[in-house]
Amino acid sequence: MTAPRVTVYTRSDCGLCEKAEAEVARICADVGAGWTTVDIDADPELRAEYGDRVPVIEVDGREHGFWRVEEGRLRAALA
């Protein structure tokens, strides 16, 4: 199995994170790309790096965006 192409950095009780996860799940299912989530509060270094700037979406290991999913841009990055 190949590594997920999309990573969503999230935290618990984050409404924007829940929305982003749902959108990423739908888009990745449409295009056949794998994705995963990482809870930043489980890692002090990630918590320090991202702070309140979650959700953060990475594609292929590079930051793609934060706070909201731009569907057209994400689909283009995964094409």
Protein backbone atom coordinates (compact mmCIF):
# COMPACT_ATOMS: atom_id res chain seq x y z
CA MET A 1 0.00 0.00 0.00
CA THR A 2 1.29 3.45 -0.86
CA ALA A 3 1.62 6.25 1.64
CA PRO A 4 -1.30 8.68 1.92
CA ARG A 5 -0.89 11.72 -0.31
CA VAL A 6 -2.91 14.04 1.95
CA THR A 7 -2.37 14.69 5.65
CA VAL A 8 -4.75 16.80 7.71
CA TYR A 9 -3.27 18.20 10.93
CA THR A 10 -6.12 18.54 13.42
CA ARG A 11 -7.04 18.72 17.09
CA SER A 12 -9.98 17.47 19.14
CA ASP A 13 -13.10 19.61 19.48
CA CYS A 14 -12.25 21.66 16.37
CA GLY A 15 -15.25 22.34 14.16
CA LEU A 16 -13.12 23.54 11.23
CA CYS A 17 -11.04 20.37 11.55
CA GLU A 18 -14.11 18.13 11.39
CA LYS A 19 -15.37 19.97 8.31
CA ALA A 20 -11.96 19.77 6.62
CA GLU A 21 -11.66 16.05 7.36
CA ALA A 22 -15.08 15.39 5.79
CA GLU A 23 -14.22 17.42 2.69
CA VAL A 24 -10.79 15.80 2.30
CA ALA A 25 -12.33 12.34 2.74
CA ARG A 26 -14.89 13.04 0.02
CA ILE A 27 -12.38 14.54 -2.42
CA CYS A 28 -9.76 11.83 -1.86
CA ALA A 29 -12.40 9.13 -2.34
CA ASP A 30 -13.43 10.78 -5.63
CA VAL A 31 -9.86 10.87 -6.98
CA GLY A 32 -8.60 7.65 -5.39
CA ALA A 33 -5.99 9.28 -3.16
CA GLY A 34 -5.13 8.12 0.34
CA TRP A 35 -5.28 10.48 3.29
CA THR A 36 -4.68 10.50 7.04
CA THR A 37 -5.01 12.77 10.06
CA VAL A 38 -2.50 13.78 12.72
CA ASP A 39 -3.60 15.15 16.10
CA ILE A 40 -1.20 18.02 16.79
CA ASP A 41 -1.98 17.96 20.52
CA ALA A 42 -0.36 14.50 20.76
CA ASP A 43 3.04 15.98 19.83
CA PRO A 44 4.48 19.09 21.56
CA GLU A 45 6.56 19.98 18.48
CA LEU A 46 3.53 19.89 16.18
CA ARG A 47 1.46 21.83 18.72
CA ALA A 48 4.19 24.51 18.83
CA GLU A 49 4.46 24.61 15.03
CA TYR A 50 0.77 24.77 14.18
CA GLY A 51 -0.79 26.31 17.31
CA ASP A 52 -4.26 27.60 16.42
CA ARG A 53 -3.61 27.39 12.66
CA VAL A 54 -5.49 24.11 12.24
CA PRO A 55 -6.66 22.36 10.23
CA VAL A 56 -3.54 22.34 8.06
CA ILE A 57 -3.66 20.31 4.85
CA GLU A 58 -0.49 18.82 3.36
CA VAL A 59 -0.26 17.22 -0.07
CA ASP A 60 2.73 15.00 -0.83
CA GLY A 61 4.55 16.32 2.25
CA ARG A 62 4.15 20.02 1.41
CA GLU A 63 1.79 22.44 3.08
CA HIS A 64 -1.17 23.05 0.79
CA GLY A 65 -3.41 25.26 2.93
CA PHE A 66 -4.96 25.84 6.30
CA TRP A 67 -8.29 26.62 8.00
CA ARG A 68 -10.39 25.56 4.98
CA VAL A 69 -10.23 23.18 2.05
CA GLU A 70 -10.13 24.84 -1.36
CA GLU A 71 -11.70 22.03 -3.35
CA GLY A 72 -10.57 23.09 -6.81
CA ARG A 73 -6.98 23.62 -5.69
CA LEU A 74 -6.89 20.30 -3.82
CA ARG A 75 -8.30 18.40 -6.80
CA ALA A 76 -5.73 20.05 -9.08
CA ALA A 77 -2.89 19.13 -6.72
CA LEU A 78 -4.04 15.51 -6.68
CA ALA A 79 -4.53 15.26 -10.46
